[in-house]
Amino acid sequence: MFELLGTRIMAGVVALSMLLFSSFQGNDPQLGAIKHYSSSSTLYLSGELLSAFNNDFASIFASSAPIPVYFKLNIKSGNRTVVSQQLTHLVNFNPATGIYVLRKDGESEVLRTSSVTQTIKEISKYKFSVPYQSSWGLISINIQAEMPLVRLEEKGKELDLMVLWKYKKPSAKIQIDLRKAQ
């Protein structure tokens, strides 16, 4: 039992060392098209990040530092901002158990998995549900993804995760006429 625990901890340390002492390839993230539908009073928006976590992120997620990804929603009616929201998806890895835990704002279920592939697939997806008024008329919707600076406790260093996206903030935009949405 202690050998297994030691092996998992050592794997986390090796992954972190590789992260800190190697050069990053980076990614070219894009936000896919925004999917939308509406009910009589709620607008539902969803989509996903593409090519955002291909390189380097398996070792980043395995570092045991909490890794957040932010999805920022901005809806304008004319020149007026009518909605501004942010979703945070947070990945934590436990090197002792080898389990990734993904929590998503707005979703009650927590994903627990030993698969980094499944973690990456799920952290890339977002869903917003927004109460709206048809009087807003034609609206412009912008969703943007970004990541913060994180502290890697093992080395006492901070890492700007946007380096891994080559400082690009992927975004997607659409326009919807809410008078026709019903």
C-alpha atoms as a PDB file:
ATOM      1  CA  MET A   1       0.000   0.000   0.000  1.00  0.00           C
ATOM      2  CA  PHE A   2       2.778   2.432   0.906  1.00  0.00           C
ATOM      3  CA  GLU A   3       4.671   1.462  -2.253  1.00  0.00           C
ATOM      4  CA  LEU A   4       1.646   2.379  -4.382  1.00  0.00           C
ATOM      5  CA  LEU A   5       1.279   5.678  -2.547  1.00  0.00           C
ATOM      6  CA  GLY A   6       4.996   6.397  -2.953  1.00  0.00           C
ATOM      7  CA  THR A   7       4.832   5.559  -6.676  1.00  0.00           C
ATOM      8  CA  ARG A   8       1.903   7.930  -7.244  1.00  0.00           C
ATOM      9  CA  ILE A   9       3.555  10.761  -5.326  1.00  0.00           C
ATOM     10  CA  MET A  10       6.804  10.213  -7.224  1.00  0.00           C
ATOM     11  CA  ALA A  11       4.900  10.276 -10.536  1.00  0.00           C
ATOM     12  CA  GLY A  12       3.424  13.642  -9.555  1.00  0.00           C
ATOM     13  CA  VAL A  13       6.858  15.013  -8.641  1.00  0.00           C
ATOM     14  CA  VAL A  14       8.346  13.771 -11.934  1.00  0.00           C
ATOM     15  CA  ALA A  15       5.483  15.316 -13.902  1.00  0.00           C
ATOM     16  CA  LEU A  16       5.942  18.618 -12.084  1.00  0.00           C
ATOM     17  CA  SER A  17       9.710  18.545 -12.698  1.00  0.00           C
ATOM     18  CA  MET A  18       9.137  17.941 -16.386  1.00  0.00           C
ATOM     19  CA  LEU A  19       6.700  20.839 -16.405  1.00  0.00           C
ATOM     20  CA  LEU A  20       9.060  23.275 -14.721  1.00  0.00           C
ATOM     21  CA  PHE A  21      12.261  22.342 -16.531  1.00  0.00           C
ATOM     22  CA  SER A  22      11.046  21.691 -20.056  1.00  0.00           C
ATOM     23  CA  SER A  23       9.930  24.078 -22.732  1.00  0.00           C
ATOM     24  CA  PHE A  24       6.252  24.291 -23.445  1.00  0.00           C
ATOM     25  CA  GLN A  25       4.852  23.517 -26.859  1.00  0.00           C
ATOM     26  CA  GLY A  26       1.727  25.493 -26.216  1.00  0.00           C
ATOM     27  CA  ASN A  27      -1.626  25.153 -27.903  1.00  0.00           C
ATOM     28  CA  ASP A  28      -3.690  27.049 -30.441  1.00  0.00           C
ATOM     29  CA  PRO A  29      -7.049  27.152 -28.665  1.00  0.00           C
ATOM     30  CA  GLN A  30     -10.277  28.031 -30.392  1.00  0.00           C
ATOM     31  CA  LEU A  31     -13.796  28.327 -29.094  1.00  0.00           C
ATOM     32  CA  GLY A  32     -16.180  26.340 -31.280  1.00  0.00           C
ATOM     33  CA  ALA A  33     -19.453  27.777 -32.539  1.00  0.00           C
ATOM     34  CA  ILE A  34     -21.942  28.736 -29.842  1.00  0.00           C
ATOM     35  CA  LYS A  35     -24.959  26.455 -29.792  1.00  0.00           C
ATOM     36  CA  HIS A  36     -28.164  28.048 -28.564  1.00  0.00           C
ATOM     37  CA  TYR A  37     -31.828  27.474 -27.977  1.00  0.00           C
ATOM     38  CA  SER A  38     -34.418  29.220 -25.870  1.00  0.00           C
ATOM     39  CA  SER A  39     -37.531  28.660 -23.849  1.00  0.00           C
ATOM     40  CA  SER A  40     -40.069  31.387 -23.189  1.00  0.00           C
ATOM     41  CA  SER A  41     -37.795  33.030 -20.605  1.00  0.00           C
ATOM     42  CA  THR A  42     -34.375  31.348 -20.679  1.00  0.00           C
ATOM     43  CA  LEU A  43     -31.607  31.334 -23.248  1.00  0.00           C
ATOM     44  CA  TYR A  44     -29.374  28.246 -23.230  1.00  0.00           C
ATOM     45  CA  LEU A  45     -25.840  28.571 -24.609  1.00  0.00           C
ATOM     46  CA  SER A  46     -23.252  25.824 -24.919  1.00  0.00           C
ATOM     47  CA  GLY A  47     -20.039  25.014 -26.713  1.00  0.00           C
ATOM     48  CA  GLU A  48     -16.518  23.818 -26.235  1.00  0.00           C
ATOM     49  CA  LEU A  49     -12.884  24.704 -26.424  1.00  0.00           C
ATOM     50  CA  LEU A  50     -11.003  23.075 -29.283  1.00  0.00           C
ATOM     51  CA  SER A  51      -7.269  22.305 -29.332  1.00  0.00           C
ATOM     52  CA  ALA A  52      -6.839  24.007 -25.962  1.00  0.00           C
ATOM     53  CA  PHE A  53      -5.382  21.180 -23.894  1.00  0.00           C
ATOM     54  CA  ASN A  54      -3.524  19.019 -26.439  1.00  0.00           C
ATOM     55  CA  ASN A  55       0.035  19.805 -25.341  1.00  0.00           C
ATOM     56  CA  ASP A  56       1.482  20.150 -21.835  1.00  0.00           C
ATOM     57  CA  PHE A  57      -1.785  19.913 -19.898  1.00  0.00           C
ATOM     58  CA  ALA A  58      -1.500  16.286 -18.819  1.00  0.00           C
ATOM     59  CA  SER A  59       1.494  17.332 -16.696  1.00  0.00           C
ATOM     60  CA  ILE A  60      -0.147  20.612 -15.620  1.00  0.00           C
ATOM     61  CA  PHE A  61      -3.268  18.828 -14.367  1.00  0.00           C
ATOM     62  CA  ALA A  62      -1.101  16.196 -12.621  1.00  0.00           C
ATOM     63  CA  SER A  63       0.798  18.886 -10.704  1.00  0.00           C
ATOM     64  CA  SER A  64      -1.818  18.705  -7.892  1.00  0.00           C
ATOM     65  CA  ALA A  65      -2.331  22.479  -8.056  1.00  0.00           C
ATOM     66  CA  PRO A  66      -5.973  23.497  -8.562  1.00  0.00           C
ATOM     67  CA  ILE A  67      -6.253  24.464 -12.259  1.00  0.00           C
ATOM     68  CA  PRO A  68      -9.148  26.782 -13.187  1.00  0.00           C
ATOM     69  CA  VAL A  69     -10.512  27.589 -16.638  1.00  0.00           C
ATOM     70  CA  TYR A  70     -12.826  30.595 -16.955  1.00  0.00           C
ATOM     71  CA  PHE A  71     -15.622  31.034 -19.495  1.00  0.00           C
ATOM     72  CA  LYS A  72     -16.813  34.650 -19.624  1.00  0.00           C
ATOM     73  CA  LEU A  73     -20.167  35.547 -21.140  1.00  0.00           C
ATOM     74  CA  ASN A  74     -21.111  39.044 -22.245  1.00  0.00           C
ATOM     75  CA  ILE A  75     -24.474  39.827 -23.832  1.00  0.00           C
ATOM     76  CA  LYS A  76     -25.216  43.263 -25.276  1.00  0.00           C
ATOM     77  CA  SER A  77     -28.439  44.756 -26.500  1.00  0.00           C
ATOM     78  CA  GLY A  78     -27.358  47.683 -28.643  1.00  0.00           C
ATOM     79  CA  ASN A  79     -24.564  49.384 -26.685  1.00  0.00           C
ATOM     80  CA  ARG A  80     -25.908  48.235 -23.311  1.00  0.00           C
ATOM     81  CA  THR A  81     -24.523  45.183 -21.499  1.00  0.00           C
ATOM     82  CA  VAL A  82     -27.530  43.195 -20.276  1.00  0.00           C
ATOM     83  CA  VAL A  83     -25.719  40.088 -19.000  1.00  0.00           C
ATOM     84  CA  SER A  84     -22.194  39.506 -17.753  1.00  0.00           C
ATOM     85  CA  GLN A  85     -21.429  36.105 -16.214  1.00  0.00           C
ATOM     86  CA  GLN A  86     -18.456  33.863 -15.595  1.00  0.00           C
ATOM     87  CA  LEU A  87     -18.276  30.104 -15.229  1.00  0.00           C
ATOM     88  CA  THR A  88     -15.280  28.519 -13.543  1.00  0.00           C
ATOM     89  CA  HIS A  89     -14.262  24.933 -14.199  1.00  0.00           C
ATOM     90  CA  LEU A  90     -11.748  23.675 -11.642  1.00  0.00           C
ATOM     91  CA  VAL A  91      -9.557  20.555 -11.881  1.00  0.00           C
ATOM     92  CA  ASN A  92      -7.803  19.106  -8.847  1.00  0.00           C
ATOM     93  CA  PHE A  93      -5.586  16.032  -9.020  1.00  0.00           C
ATOM     94  CA  ASN A  94      -4.879  13.866  -6.007  1.00  0.00           C
ATOM     95  CA  PRO A  95      -1.514  12.125  -6.563  1.00  0.00           C
ATOM     96  CA  ALA A  96      -2.193   9.708  -3.703  1.00  0.00           C
ATOM     97  CA  THR A  97      -5.308   8.287  -5.368  1.00  0.00           C
ATOM     98  CA  GLY A  98      -4.581   9.139  -9.015  1.00  0.00           C
ATOM     99  CA  ILE A  99      -8.040  10.719  -9.315  1.00  0.00           C
ATOM    100  CA  TYR A 100      -8.885  13.961 -11.140  1.00  0.00           C
ATOM    101  CA  VAL A 101     -11.817  15.910  -9.692  1.00  0.00           C
ATOM    102  CA  LEU A 102     -13.577  18.378 -11.994  1.00  0.00           C
ATOM    103  CA  ARG A 103     -16.097  20.874 -10.636  1.00  0.00           C
ATOM    104  CA  LYS A 104     -18.079  23.053 -13.048  1.00  0.00           C
ATOM    105  CA  ASP A 105     -20.017  26.163 -12.047  1.00  0.00           C
ATOM    106  CA  GLY A 106     -23.694  25.695 -12.677  1.00  0.00           C
ATOM    107  CA  GLU A 107     -23.550  21.891 -12.520  1.00  0.00           C
ATOM    108  CA  SER A 108     -24.245  19.936  -9.361  1.00  0.00           C
ATOM    109  CA  GLU A 109     -22.442  16.772 -10.463  1.00  0.00           C
ATOM    110  CA  VAL A 110     -18.712  16.466  -9.837  1.00  0.00           C
ATOM    111  CA  LEU A 111     -16.629  14.372 -12.234  1.00  0.00           C
ATOM    112  CA  ARG A 112     -14.179  11.977 -10.578  1.00  0.00           C
ATOM    113  CA  THR A 113     -11.978  10.005 -12.958  1.00  0.00           C
ATOM    114  CA  SER A 114      -8.505   8.556 -13.322  1.00  0.00           C
ATOM    115  CA  SER A 115      -8.505   9.543 -17.012  1.00  0.00           C
ATOM    116  CA  VAL A 116      -6.793  12.788 -17.991  1.00  0.00           C
ATOM    117  CA  THR A 117      -8.372  12.374 -21.454  1.00  0.00           C
ATOM    118  CA  GLN A 118     -11.867  12.416 -19.975  1.00  0.00           C
ATOM    119  CA  THR A 119     -10.923  15.347 -17.734  1.00  0.00           C
ATOM    120  CA  ILE A 120      -9.710  17.349 -20.739  1.00  0.00           C
ATOM    121  CA  LYS A 121     -12.825  16.472 -22.737  1.00  0.00           C
ATOM    122  CA  GLU A 122     -15.141  17.622 -19.947  1.00  0.00           C
ATOM    123  CA  ILE A 123     -13.253  20.767 -18.878  1.00  0.00           C
ATOM    124  CA  SER A 124     -13.496  21.968 -22.486  1.00  0.00           C
ATOM    125  CA  LYS A 125     -17.329  22.095 -22.437  1.00  0.00           C
ATOM    126  CA  TYR A 126     -19.424  24.955 -21.088  1.00  0.00           C
ATOM    127  CA  LYS A 127     -23.154  25.628 -20.578  1.00  0.00           C
ATOM    128  CA  PHE A 128     -24.851  28.893 -19.673  1.00  0.00           C
ATOM    129  CA  SER A 129     -28.548  29.355 -18.917  1.00  0.00           C
ATOM    130  CA  VAL A 130     -29.579  32.993 -18.932  1.00  0.00           C
ATOM    131  CA  PRO A 131     -32.973  34.489 -18.085  1.00  0.00           C
ATOM    132  CA  TYR A 132     -33.833  37.017 -20.793  1.00  0.00           C
ATOM    133  CA  GLN A 133     -36.406  39.568 -21.857  1.00  0.00           C
ATOM    134  CA  SER A 134     -37.625  39.595 -25.453  1.00  0.00           C
ATOM    135  CA  SER A 135     -37.543  43.402 -25.255  1.00  0.00           C
ATOM    136  CA  TRP A 136     -33.743  43.152 -25.532  1.00  0.00           C
ATOM    137  CA  GLY A 137     -34.381  42.510 -29.229  1.00  0.00           C
ATOM    138  CA  LEU A 138     -31.259  41.824 -31.258  1.00  0.00           C
ATOM    139  CA  ILE A 139     -28.452  40.780 -28.914  1.00  0.00           C
ATOM    140  CA  SER A 140     -24.731  40.213 -29.440  1.00  0.00           C
ATOM    141  CA  ILE A 141     -23.269  37.318 -27.482  1.00  0.00           C
ATOM    142  CA  ASN A 142     -19.558  36.963 -26.804  1.00  0.00           C
ATOM    143  CA  ILE A 143     -18.010  34.054 -24.893  1.00  0.00           C
ATOM    144  CA  GLN A 144     -14.324  34.073 -24.087  1.00  0.00           C
ATOM    145  CA  ALA A 145     -12.103  31.523 -22.336  1.00  0.00           C
ATOM    146  CA  GLU A 146      -9.032  32.262 -20.276  1.00  0.00           C
ATOM    147  CA  MET A 147      -6.855  30.897 -17.500  1.00  0.00           C
ATOM    148  CA  PRO A 148      -5.110  32.612 -14.570  1.00  0.00           C
ATOM    149  CA  LEU A 149      -1.770  32.593 -12.893  1.00  0.00           C
ATOM    150  CA  VAL A 150      -1.482  29.517 -10.644  1.00  0.00           C
ATOM    151  CA  ARG A 151       0.847  28.781  -7.780  1.00  0.00           C
ATOM    152  CA  LEU A 152       2.683  25.485  -7.961  1.00  0.00           C
ATOM    153  CA  GLU A 153       3.253  24.816  -4.266  1.00  0.00           C
ATOM    154  CA  GLU A 154       5.864  22.098  -4.792  1.00  0.00           C
ATOM    155  CA  LYS A 155       8.319  24.603  -6.287  1.00  0.00           C
ATOM    156  CA  GLY A 156       6.950  27.779  -4.765  1.00  0.00           C
ATOM    157  CA  LYS A 157       6.578  29.270  -8.247  1.00  0.00           C
ATOM    158  CA  GLU A 158       3.758  30.853 -10.176  1.00  0.00           C
ATOM    159  CA  LEU A 159       2.891  29.901 -13.730  1.00  0.00           C
ATOM    160  CA  ASP A 160       0.782  32.014 -16.069  1.00  0.00           C
ATOM    161  CA  LEU A 161      -1.332  29.343 -17.736  1.00  0.00           C
ATOM    162  CA  MET A 162      -2.017  31.685 -20.651  1.00  0.00           C
ATOM    163  CA  VAL A 163       1.557  30.904 -21.788  1.00  0.00           C
ATOM    164  CA  LEU A 164       0.206  27.486 -22.755  1.00  0.00           C
ATOM    165  CA  TRP A 165      -2.347  29.198 -25.014  1.00  0.00           C
ATOM    166  CA  LYS A 166       0.314  31.515 -26.461  1.00  0.00           C
ATOM    167  CA  TYR A 167      -1.516  34.350 -24.681  1.00  0.00           C
ATOM    168  CA  LYS A 168      -4.563  33.904 -26.926  1.00  0.00           C
ATOM    169  CA  LYS A 169      -7.995  34.262 -25.357  1.00  0.00           C
ATOM    170  CA  PRO A 170     -10.238  32.179 -27.598  1.00  0.00           C
ATOM    171  CA  SER A 171     -13.679  33.659 -28.152  1.00  0.00           C
ATOM    172  CA  ALA A 172     -16.859  33.052 -30.109  1.00  0.00           C
ATOM    173  CA  LYS A 173     -19.589  35.504 -31.083  1.00  0.00           C
ATOM    174  CA  ILE A 174     -23.133  35.288 -32.388  1.00  0.00           C
ATOM    175  CA  GLN A 175     -26.159  37.512 -32.740  1.00  0.00           C
ATOM    176  CA  ILE A 176     -29.687  36.405 -31.871  1.00  0.00           C
ATOM    177  CA  ASP A 177     -32.966  38.236 -32.330  1.00  0.00           C
ATOM    178  CA  LEU A 178     -34.900  37.418 -29.162  1.00  0.00           C
ATOM    179  CA  ARG A 179     -38.154  38.677 -30.703  1.00  0.00           C
ATOM    180  CA  LYS A 180     -37.925  35.653 -33.022  1.00  0.00           C
ATOM    181  CA  ALA A 181     -36.656  33.241 -30.361  1.00  0.00           C
ATOM    182  CA  GLN A 182     -40.084  32.179 -29.142  1.00  0.00           C
END
